């Protein structure tokens, strides 16, 4: 993490030098949840041994405590950094106008003029030309006119820096900071091609609501959740969120291991405009192997059987790359060959070599029916109960259905129609072959102790 910057003083420097635009685009690293890390080169002109520079075009949601400014000339030192945005809201503008002359119009067209002494706590306090002090309720105020607005108002968000030492003239510095308002998510598409094959492709959606554009940026995306000591920066003002889609079908992201995460890099550069979402290609379509799986859990759906796909994230199966978590949409061709949407789910980050089990939707031609056969008390700390599950297959092909049953405490199966396995401490599984057009009945008797 960047070293902590000491708090900036409230004084306003008297000399401001113009800042030249950066000669190269910024480097922008986007994390999955409302966080970005920006590094950029800023050019400037120094006109005095101690000079105050204003670096504009920075995000509204910048995390000021993370800001670092490192001059290229090692002899130049940063004496002070400050966040400046005087018109971020009306309260801040009035605060900057304290000590200046204002004209206040209240209800009933009543006008009061004088020096603004205070503007907090729901009141405006003015001192008139005769020395009297008047308090005006802000609820009754209809208009405030600044007859002499403060000089040097920061109309746009800016980082103000005092540089000391080193040579005068043109120079450059590296500016880096964390900011809220940058996020990305993965969108995966699976197109089924028969029972055991499919075509997989992935894209990423990048959203920018920072309050500034990033032109010709080198874009990197981090898959993983870095731990933060506090909440994400909320910014200096509320941001209205609008969306505009822009697809890029040619640029494919490359990936590499990075710390405990995975880093995806877009070749070339990209422009991230404020209040915009962009879609960028991550994985071009590739053929993969899939295994259909059907799951029945009465607690989720008493009569429905969930259709799933098992996919091994291995090169032999067509993948073998780290996959960031995101939404997975499924499509399949109908009798005419046209693709139809068949369901969607979300997956977490999947490392290479791991297996994914993805829910597709409810299987229309598979039906399950569960009922309790009996329950009886054996002792104060023991009971016995029986369960029956009917599985019907109306498909034209044979299927295997995994039945999951919850078991609590110390539970023992004393009778079962089919072999079972223990999935975890609270779940048992039956894997049942159900021929096409037939019904299979699964039953068991369990004894629970506590």
Protein backbone atom coordinates (compact mmCIF):
# COMPACT_ATOMS: atom_id res chain seq x y z
CA UNK A 1 0.00 0.00 0.00
CA UNK A 2 1.19 3.58 -0.65
CA UNK A 3 2.86 5.38 2.21
CA UNK A 4 0.56 7.63 4.15
CA UNK A 5 0.63 11.31 3.13
CA UNK A 6 0.70 13.79 6.01
CA UNK A 7 -2.48 15.89 6.25
CA UNK A 8 -2.55 19.02 4.07
CA UNK A 9 -2.82 22.48 5.59
CA UNK A 10 -5.79 24.69 4.77
CA UNK A 11 -3.75 27.68 3.47
CA UNK A 12 -4.08 28.60 -0.20
CA UNK A 13 -0.87 29.29 -2.09
CA UNK A 14 -0.57 32.69 -3.82
CA UNK A 15 1.28 31.53 -6.93
CA UNK A 16 -0.21 28.91 -9.28
CA UNK A 17 1.71 27.54 -12.24
CA UNK A 18 0.03 26.02 -15.28
CA UNK A 19 0.24 22.22 -15.50
CA UNK A 20 0.97 20.69 -18.87
CA UNK A 21 -1.01 17.61 -19.99
CA UNK A 22 0.69 14.26 -19.48
CA UNK A 23 2.65 12.99 -22.44
CA UNK A 24 1.52 9.39 -21.95
CA UNK A 25 -1.74 7.75 -20.98
CA UNK A 26 -2.40 6.60 -17.41
CA UNK A 27 -1.98 3.07 -16.12
CA UNK A 28 -5.30 1.98 -14.61
CA UNK A 29 -5.70 -1.15 -12.51
CA UNK A 30 -9.35 -1.99 -11.84
CA UNK A 31 -10.51 -4.23 -9.00
CA UNK A 32 -13.83 -6.03 -9.07
CA UNK A 33 -15.63 -3.87 -6.50
CA UNK A 34 -15.58 -0.07 -6.64
CA UNK A 35 -11.82 0.38 -6.52
CA UNK A 36 -9.10 1.40 -8.91
CA UNK A 37 -5.38 2.21 -8.71
CA UNK A 38 -4.16 4.90 -11.11
CA UNK A 39 -0.58 5.80 -12.01
CA UNK A 40 0.14 8.59 -14.47
CA UNK A 41 2.87 10.98 -15.56
CA UNK A 42 2.08 14.66 -15.13
CA UNK A 43 4.08 17.43 -16.78
CA UNK A 44 4.36 20.92 -15.27
CA UNK A 45 6.27 24.22 -15.46
CA UNK A 46 8.09 25.46 -12.35
CA UNK A 47 8.52 29.24 -12.18
CA UNK A 48 9.93 29.72 -8.68
CA UNK A 49 12.13 27.93 -6.16
CA UNK A 50 9.01 27.23 -4.11
CA UNK A 51 6.05 26.83 -6.39
CA UNK A 52 2.44 25.77 -6.00
CA UNK A 53 1.05 23.57 -8.75
CA UNK A 54 -2.50 22.45 -9.37
CA UNK A 55 -3.02 19.03 -10.96
CA UNK A 56 -6.56 18.92 -12.32
CA UNK A 57 -8.44 16.14 -14.09
CA UNK A 58 -8.48 13.86 -11.04
CA UNK A 59 -11.45 11.71 -9.90
CA UNK A 60 -14.21 13.08 -7.71
CA UNK A 61 -13.95 9.87 -5.67
CA UNK A 62 -10.21 9.94 -5.13
CA UNK A 63 -8.92 8.47 -1.85
CA UNK A 64 -6.76 11.43 -0.85
CA UNK A 65 -4.90 9.51 1.86
CA UNK A 66 -3.45 7.27 -0.88
CA UNK A 67 -2.14 10.09 -3.12
CA UNK A 68 1.59 10.02 -3.92
CA UNK A 69 3.42 12.59 -6.05
CA UNK A 70 7.03 11.76 -6.93
CA UNK A 71 8.94 14.36 -9.01
CA UNK A 72 11.29 13.04 -11.66
CA UNK A 73 13.98 15.42 -10.35
CA UNK A 74 15.12 13.91 -7.01
CA UNK A 75 16.15 17.38 -5.82
CA UNK A 76 12.52 18.52 -5.90
CA UNK A 77 10.59 17.83 -2.71
CA UNK A 78 6.85 17.84 -2.09
CA UNK A 79 6.25 20.22 0.80
CA UNK A 80 2.47 20.02 0.88
CA UNK A 81 -0.43 18.22 -0.81
CA UNK A 82 -4.05 19.35 -0.67
CA UNK A 83 -7.36 18.23 -2.15
CA UNK A 84 -9.16 21.22 -3.72
CA UNK A 85 -12.74 21.37 -4.95
CA UNK A 86 -14.38 24.50 -3.61
CA UNK A 87 -17.69 24.12 -5.44
CA UNK A 88 -18.27 20.47 -4.66
CA UNK A 89 -21.54 21.59 -3.01
CA UNK A 90 -23.28 24.80 -1.88
CA UNK A 91 -22.17 24.44 1.75
CA UNK A 92 -18.53 24.30 0.76
CA UNK A 93 -18.91 27.35 -1.48
CA UNK A 94 -20.49 29.35 1.35
CA UNK A 95 -17.75 28.25 3.70
CA UNK A 96 -15.14 29.56 1.25
CA UNK A 97 -17.08 32.84 1.03
CA UNK A 98 -16.94 33.46 4.80
CA UNK A 99 -15.58 36.94 5.47
CA UNK A 100 -16.81 38.20 2.10
CA UNK A 101 -19.79 40.36 1.27
CA UNK A 102 -23.08 38.61 0.45
CA UNK A 103 -26.64 39.59 -0.37
CA UNK A 104 -29.33 37.26 1.01
CA UNK A 105 -32.93 37.21 -0.23
CA UNK A 106 -35.46 35.67 2.16
CA UNK A 107 -39.15 34.92 1.84
CA UNK A 108 -41.25 37.99 1.22
CA UNK A 109 -38.54 39.53 -0.99
CA UNK A 110 -36.63 40.70 2.07
CA UNK A 111 -32.98 41.42 1.27
CA UNK A 112 -30.14 41.51 3.80
CA UNK A 113 -26.58 42.52 2.90
CA UNK A 114 -23.37 42.31 4.87
CA UNK A 115 -20.25 40.33 5.69
CA UNK A 116 -20.80 36.55 5.97
CA UNK A 117 -19.60 35.46 9.40
CA UNK A 118 -20.92 31.88 9.56
CA UNK A 119 -23.05 29.44 7.54
CA UNK A 120 -23.42 26.34 9.72
CA UNK A 121 -26.11 24.82 11.93
CA UNK A 122 -29.00 25.84 9.67
CA UNK A 123 -28.24 29.57 9.97
CA UNK A 124 -26.51 32.30 8.00
CA UNK A 125 -24.88 34.95 10.19
CA UNK A 126 -24.24 38.38 8.62
CA UNK A 127 -22.65 41.56 9.97
CA UNK A 128 -24.19 44.70 8.52
CA UNK A 129 -22.45 47.96 7.60
CA UNK A 130 -23.57 49.44 10.94
CA UNK A 131 -21.92 46.58 12.87
CA UNK A 132 -25.15 44.75 13.79
CA UNK A 133 -25.21 40.98 13.51
CA UNK A 134 -28.21 39.22 11.92
CA UNK A 135 -29.05 35.51 11.95
CA UNK A 136 -31.11 34.20 9.03
CA UNK A 137 -32.71 30.75 8.99
CA UNK A 138 -31.52 28.83 5.94
CA UNK A 139 -35.00 27.35 5.58
CA UNK A 140 -36.35 30.83 4.84
CA UNK A 141 -33.52 31.82 2.48
CA UNK A 142 -34.43 31.82 -1.21
CA UNK A 143 -31.21 33.18 -2.74
CA UNK A 144 -27.65 34.03 -1.73
CA UNK A 145 -25.57 36.31 -3.97
CA UNK A 146 -21.82 36.60 -3.49
CA UNK A 147 -21.05 40.18 -4.41
CA UNK A 148 -17.30 39.48 -4.35
CA UNK A 149 -16.68 35.74 -4.93
CA UNK A 150 -13.46 34.39 -3.39
CA UNK A 151 -10.51 34.61 -5.72
CA UNK A 152 -8.92 31.41 -6.96
CA UNK A 153 -11.97 29.17 -6.54
CA UNK A 154 -11.28 25.57 -7.53
CA UNK A 155 -14.06 24.93 -10.03
CA UNK A 156 -12.85 21.41 -10.79
CA UNK A 157 -11.40 18.77 -8.44
CA UNK A 158 -7.64 19.10 -8.19
CA UNK A 159 -4.57 18.02 -6.25
CA UNK A 160 -2.59 21.06 -5.14
CA UNK A 161 1.11 20.53 -4.46
CA UNK A 162 3.86 22.78 -3.14
CA UNK A 163 7.22 21.83 -4.68
CA UNK A 164 10.50 23.00 -3.16
CA UNK A 165 14.09 22.82 -4.38
CA UNK A 166 15.50 21.50 -7.63
CA UNK A 167 15.62 23.22 -10.99
CA UNK A 168 13.05 25.51 -12.51
CA UNK A 169 11.43 24.98 -15.90
CA UNK A 170 9.59 22.05 -17.39
CA UNK A 171 9.56 18.81 -15.46
CA UNK A 172 7.51 15.68 -14.83
CA UNK A 173 6.23 13.79 -11.80
CA UNK A 174 4.58 10.44 -11.17
CA UNK A 175 1.10 10.78 -9.65
CA UNK A 176 -0.60 7.71 -8.17
CA UNK A 177 -3.74 7.20 -6.10
CA UNK A 178 -6.62 4.89 -5.23
CA UNK A 179 -10.12 5.88 -6.26
CA UNK A 180 -13.65 4.65 -5.96
CA UNK A 181 -15.91 4.43 -9.02
CA UNK A 182 -14.00 1.77 -10.99
CA UNK A 183 -15.36 -1.77 -11.16
CA UNK A 184 -15.33 -4.73 -13.50
CA UNK A 185 -17.19 -8.00 -13.79
CA UNK A 186 -16.88 -11.09 -15.94
CA UNK A 187 -19.58 -12.30 -18.32
CA UNK A 188 -19.27 -15.89 -19.55
CA UNK A 189 -21.30 -17.51 -22.35
CA UNK A 190 -21.77 -21.26 -22.80
CA UNK A 191 -23.38 -22.52 -26.03
CA UNK A 192 -24.41 -26.18 -25.73
CA UNK A 193 -23.52 -28.50 -28.62
CA UNK A 194 -25.07 -31.80 -27.75
CA UNK A 195 -24.78 -33.67 -24.46
CA UNK A 196 -21.03 -33.56 -23.96
CA UNK A 197 -19.79 -30.51 -25.86
CA UNK A 198 -20.17 -26.75 -25.70
CA UNK A 199 -18.49 -23.53 -26.75
CA UNK A 200 -17.20 -21.16 -24.05
CA UNK A 201 -16.39 -17.47 -24.39
CA UNK A 202 -15.77 -14.72 -21.83
CA UNK A 203 -15.95 -10.94 -21.79
CA UNK A 204 -15.46 -8.32 -19.10
CA UNK A 205 -17.59 -5.27 -18.37
CA UNK A 206 -15.67 -2.27 -17.03
CA UNK A 207 -17.58 0.60 -15.38
CA UNK A 208 -16.24 4.09 -14.72
CA UNK A 209 -18.12 6.47 -12.38
CA UNK A 210 -15.06 8.29 -11.00
CA UNK A 211 -15.97 11.71 -12.40
CA UNK A 212 -13.15 11.81 -14.99
CA UNK A 213 -12.18 10.16 -18.26
CA UNK A 214 -9.05 8.05 -18.70
CA UNK A 215 -7.79 8.48 -22.25
CA UNK A 216 -5.43 5.97 -23.90
CA UNK A 217 -5.05 4.06 -20.63
CA UNK A 218 -3.10 0.88 -20.09
CA UNK A 219 -5.80 -1.28 -18.53
CA UNK A 220 -5.26 -4.09 -16.02
CA UNK A 221 -7.97 -6.05 -14.21
CA UNK A 222 -7.43 -7.87 -10.92
CA UNK A 223 -9.47 -11.00 -10.15
CA UNK A 224 -9.66 -11.36 -6.39
CA UNK A 225 -10.71 -9.35 -3.37
CA UNK A 226 -7.89 -7.38 -1.69
CA UNK A 227 -8.52 -6.81 2.00
CA UNK A 228 -9.04 -3.16 2.95
CA UNK A 229 -8.80 -1.65 6.42
CA UNK A 230 -11.83 0.58 5.85
CA UNK A 231 -14.73 1.09 3.45
CA UNK A 232 -14.22 2.06 -0.16
CA UNK A 233 -13.85 5.82 -0.71
CA UNK A 234 -17.28 7.41 -0.98
CA UNK A 235 -16.05 10.49 -2.80
CA UNK A 236 -16.66 14.19 -2.39
CA UNK A 237 -20.10 14.30 -4.01
CA UNK A 238 -22.91 11.95 -5.06
CA UNK A 239 -22.56 10.61 -8.58
CA UNK A 240 -25.43 10.02 -10.97
CA UNK A 241 -24.99 6.69 -12.70
CA UNK A 242 -25.79 6.25 -16.38
CA UNK A 243 -24.65 3.58 -18.76
CA UNK A 244 -23.44 3.39 -22.36
CA UNK A 245 -22.39 0.11 -23.95
CA UNK A 246 -19.36 -0.13 -26.21
CA UNK A 247 -18.21 -3.52 -27.48
CA UNK A 248 -14.67 -4.46 -28.49
CA UNK A 249 -14.47 -7.80 -30.28
CA UNK A 250 -10.80 -7.80 -31.24
CA UNK A 251 -8.80 -7.13 -28.08
CA UNK A 252 -8.24 -10.26 -26.01
CA UNK A 253 -7.04 -9.93 -22.42
CA UNK A 254 -3.89 -11.79 -21.37
CA UNK A 255 -3.61 -13.10 -17.80
CA UNK A 256 -0.83 -13.76 -15.29
CA UNK A 257 -0.50 -14.73 -11.65
CA UNK A 258 -0.13 -11.68 -9.40
CA UNK A 259 0.37 -11.99 -5.62
CA UNK A 260 -2.64 -14.04 -4.42
CA UNK A 261 -4.76 -12.87 -7.35
CA UNK A 262 -4.82 -13.03 -11.14
CA UNK A 263 -4.05 -10.00 -13.27
CA UNK A 264 -5.57 -9.56 -16.74
CA UNK A 265 -3.97 -7.06 -19.12
CA UNK A 266 -5.58 -5.53 -22.19
CA UNK A 267 -3.12 -5.22 -25.08
CA UNK A 268 -2.74 -1.71 -26.41
CA UNK A 269 -4.72 1.07 -24.76
CA UNK A 270 -8.35 1.78 -23.93
CA UNK A 271 -10.35 4.93 -23.22
CA UNK A 272 -12.60 4.75 -20.14
CA UNK A 273 -15.10 7.59 -20.26
CA UNK A 274 -16.88 8.74 -17.12
CA UNK A 275 -20.37 7.29 -16.56
CA UNK A 276 -19.83 4.58 -19.13
CA UNK A 277 -19.68 0.79 -19.25
CA UNK A 278 -17.55 -1.04 -21.82
CA UNK A 279 -17.48 -4.69 -22.87
CA UNK A 280 -14.02 -6.13 -23.65
CA UNK A 281 -13.20 -9.62 -24.88
CA UNK A 282 -11.43 -11.85 -22.37
CA UNK A 283 -11.54 -15.31 -23.98
CA UNK A 284 -12.33 -15.91 -27.63
CA UNK A 285 -14.88 -18.73 -28.20
CA UNK A 286 -13.35 -22.18 -27.66
CA UNK A 287 -14.71 -25.72 -27.72
CA UNK A 288 -14.96 -27.43 -24.33
CA UNK A 289 -16.13 -30.73 -22.87
CA UNK A 290 -19.09 -30.74 -20.48
CA UNK A 291 -20.86 -33.40 -18.40
CA UNK A 292 -24.62 -33.05 -17.78
CA UNK A 293 -25.67 -33.53 -14.18
CA UNK A 294 -29.11 -33.50 -12.56
CA UNK A 295 -29.70 -32.66 -8.91
CA UNK A 296 -32.76 -33.02 -6.71
CA UNK A 297 -32.89 -31.19 -3.39
CA UNK A 298 -36.37 -31.08 -1.90
CA UNK A 299 -35.47 -28.10 0.29
CA UNK A 300 -34.77 -26.03 -2.86
CA UNK A 301 -37.65 -27.27 -5.06
CA UNK A 302 -40.02 -29.98 -3.77
CA UNK A 303 -40.84 -31.31 -7.26
CA UNK A 304 -38.21 -29.84 -9.55
CA UNK A 305 -34.92 -31.33 -10.71
CA UNK A 306 -32.09 -28.88 -11.38
CA UNK A 307 -30.15 -29.23 -14.63
CA UNK A 308 -26.40 -28.69 -14.13
CA UNK A 309 -23.21 -28.79 -16.15
CA UNK A 310 -19.92 -30.07 -14.80
CA UNK A 311 -16.88 -28.52 -16.48
CA UNK A 312 -13.26 -29.19 -15.65
CA UNK A 313 -11.10 -26.12 -16.05
CA UNK A 314 -8.31 -28.06 -17.72
CA UNK A 315 -6.58 -27.71 -21.08
CA UNK A 316 -7.64 -31.26 -21.96
CA UNK A 317 -11.25 -30.13 -21.59
CA UNK A 318 -10.70 -26.96 -23.63
CA UNK A 319 -10.07 -24.39 -20.88
CA UNK A 320 -7.18 -24.59 -18.41
CA UNK A 321 -7.03 -20.86 -17.58
CA UNK A 322 -7.94 -18.98 -14.37
CA UNK A 323 -11.53 -17.81 -14.73
CA UNK A 324 -12.74 -14.77 -12.77
CA UNK A 325 -16.07 -15.03 -11.01
CA UNK A 326 -19.09 -13.60 -12.79
CA UNK A 327 -22.32 -14.38 -14.54
CA UNK A 328 -22.59 -17.44 -16.81
CA UNK A 329 -25.32 -17.51 -19.46
CA UNK A 330 -26.36 -20.67 -21.30
CA UNK A 331 -27.67 -20.99 -24.86
CA UNK A 332 -28.70 -23.93 -27.00
CA UNK A 333 -29.88 -24.30 -30.59
CA UNK A 334 -33.53 -25.19 -31.23
CA UNK A 335 -34.82 -27.47 -34.01
CA UNK A 336 -34.35 -24.70 -36.58
CA UNK A 337 -30.76 -24.09 -35.51
CA UNK A 338 -31.47 -20.73 -33.86
CA UNK A 339 -29.84 -20.15 -30.47
CA UNK A 340 -32.19 -19.83 -27.49
CA UNK A 341 -31.42 -18.67 -23.96
CA UNK A 342 -31.73 -21.58 -21.49
CA UNK A 343 -30.61 -20.12 -18.15
CA UNK A 344 -27.93 -18.32 -16.18
CA UNK A 345 -26.03 -18.58 -12.93
CA UNK A 346 -23.01 -17.07 -11.19
CA UNK A 347 -19.67 -18.71 -10.52
CA UNK A 348 -16.86 -17.74 -8.18
CA UNK A 349 -13.22 -17.41 -9.20
CA UNK A 350 -12.12 -20.78 -10.61
CA UNK A 351 -8.42 -21.65 -10.68
CA UNK A 352 -6.96 -23.74 -13.48
CA UNK A 353 -7.35 -27.44 -12.74
CA UNK A 354 -10.51 -27.04 -10.65
CA UNK A 355 -14.01 -28.33 -11.46
CA UNK A 356 -17.08 -26.14 -11.92
CA UNK A 357 -20.64 -27.28 -11.27
CA UNK A 358 -23.01 -24.74 -12.82
CA UNK A 359 -26.78 -24.60 -12.39
CA UNK A 360 -28.52 -24.18 -15.75
CA UNK A 361 -32.20 -24.29 -14.76
CA UNK A 362 -35.09 -26.61 -13.98
CA UNK A 363 -35.24 -29.77 -16.09
CA UNK A 364 -38.68 -29.84 -17.76
CA UNK A 365 -38.82 -33.61 -18.43
CA UNK A 366 -37.58 -34.76 -15.00
CA UNK A 367 -39.95 -34.86 -12.03
CA UNK A 368 -39.34 -35.71 -8.39
CA UNK A 369 -41.75 -36.38 -5.56
CA UNK A 370 -40.71 -36.70 -1.91
CA UNK A 371 -42.77 -37.82 1.09
CA UNK A 372 -42.17 -38.81 4.69
CA UNK A 373 -43.24 -42.42 5.25
CA UNK A 374 -43.23 -42.44 9.05
CA UNK A 375 -41.54 -41.11 12.16
CA UNK A 376 -41.46 -42.68 15.59
CA UNK A 377 -39.75 -41.98 18.87
CA UNK A 378 -37.35 -44.69 20.07
CA UNK A 379 -36.21 -42.98 23.28
CA UNK A 380 -35.77 -39.52 24.80
CA UNK A 381 -32.68 -38.98 22.65
CA UNK A 382 -33.45 -41.11 19.61
CA UNK A 383 -36.01 -41.26 16.80
CA UNK A 384 -36.49 -43.22 13.61
CA UNK A 385 -38.00 -41.99 10.36
CA UNK A 386 -38.51 -43.13 6.77
CA UNK A 387 -38.37 -41.14 3.49
CA UNK A 388 -39.39 -42.00 -0.07
CA UNK A 389 -38.38 -40.13 -3.24
CA UNK A 390 -39.93 -40.93 -6.63
CA UNK A 391 -37.92 -39.93 -9.72
CA UNK A 392 -39.62 -39.88 -13.15
CA UNK A 393 -37.76 -39.48 -16.43
CA UNK A 394 -39.89 -38.27 -19.38
CA UNK A 395 -36.85 -37.70 -21.60
CA UNK A 396 -35.95 -39.95 -24.52
CA UNK A 397 -32.51 -40.64 -23.04
CA UNK A 398 -31.33 -42.24 -19.81
CA UNK A 399 -30.16 -39.90 -17.06
CA UNK A 400 -28.50 -40.04 -13.67
CA UNK A 401 -30.04 -37.92 -10.90
CA UNK A 402 -28.20 -37.01 -7.71
CA UNK A 403 -30.57 -36.91 -4.73
CA UNK A 404 -29.38 -34.89 -1.74
CA UNK A 405 -31.05 -35.36 1.64
CA UNK A 406 -30.36 -33.33 4.80
CA UNK A 407 -29.41 -35.27 7.92
CA UNK A 408 -28.69 -33.61 11.26
CA UNK A 409 -26.83 -34.65 14.38
CA UNK A 410 -25.75 -38.25 14.76
CA UNK A 411 -27.79 -39.90 11.99
CA UNK A 412 -27.37 -43.49 10.78
CA UNK A 413 -29.06 -45.07 7.77
CA UNK A 414 -30.31 -48.47 8.90
CA UNK A 415 -32.08 -49.34 5.63
CA UNK A 416 -31.73 -47.96 2.08
CA UNK A 417 -32.94 -48.97 -1.36
CA UNK A 418 -29.84 -47.67 -3.13
CA UNK A 419 -26.22 -47.05 -2.05
CA UNK A 420 -25.53 -43.63 -0.56
CA UNK A 421 -22.50 -41.50 0.23
CA UNK A 422 -21.93 -38.80 2.81
CA UNK A 423 -21.40 -35.46 1.04
CA UNK A 424 -20.74 -33.59 4.29
CA UNK A 425 -21.73 -33.67 7.95
CA UNK A 426 -25.29 -32.62 7.18
CA UNK A 427 -25.99 -34.18 3.74
CA UNK A 428 -26.23 -37.65 2.20
CA UNK A 429 -26.29 -38.34 -1.54
CA UNK A 430 -27.84 -41.00 -3.78
CA UNK A 431 -26.77 -41.20 -7.43
CA UNK A 432 -29.64 -42.88 -9.25
CA UNK A 433 -29.79 -44.12 -12.84
CA UNK A 434 -33.26 -43.43 -14.26
CA UNK A 435 -33.96 -45.03 -17.66
CA UNK A 436 -35.89 -43.08 -20.30
CA UNK A 437 -39.64 -43.11 -19.74
CA UNK A 438 -39.43 -44.86 -16.36
CA UNK A 439 -39.81 -44.16 -12.66
CA UNK A 440 -37.37 -45.14 -9.90
CA UNK A 441 -38.26 -45.07 -6.20
CA UNK A 442 -35.54 -44.28 -3.66
CA UNK A 443 -36.26 -44.95 0.01
CA UNK A 444 -34.37 -45.08 3.26
CA UNK A 445 -34.87 -45.45 6.98
CA UNK A 446 -32.71 -43.36 9.31
CA UNK A 447 -32.12 -43.29 13.05
CA UNK A 448 -31.17 -39.94 14.55
CA UNK A 449 -29.60 -39.48 17.99
CA UNK A 450 -28.95 -36.29 19.93
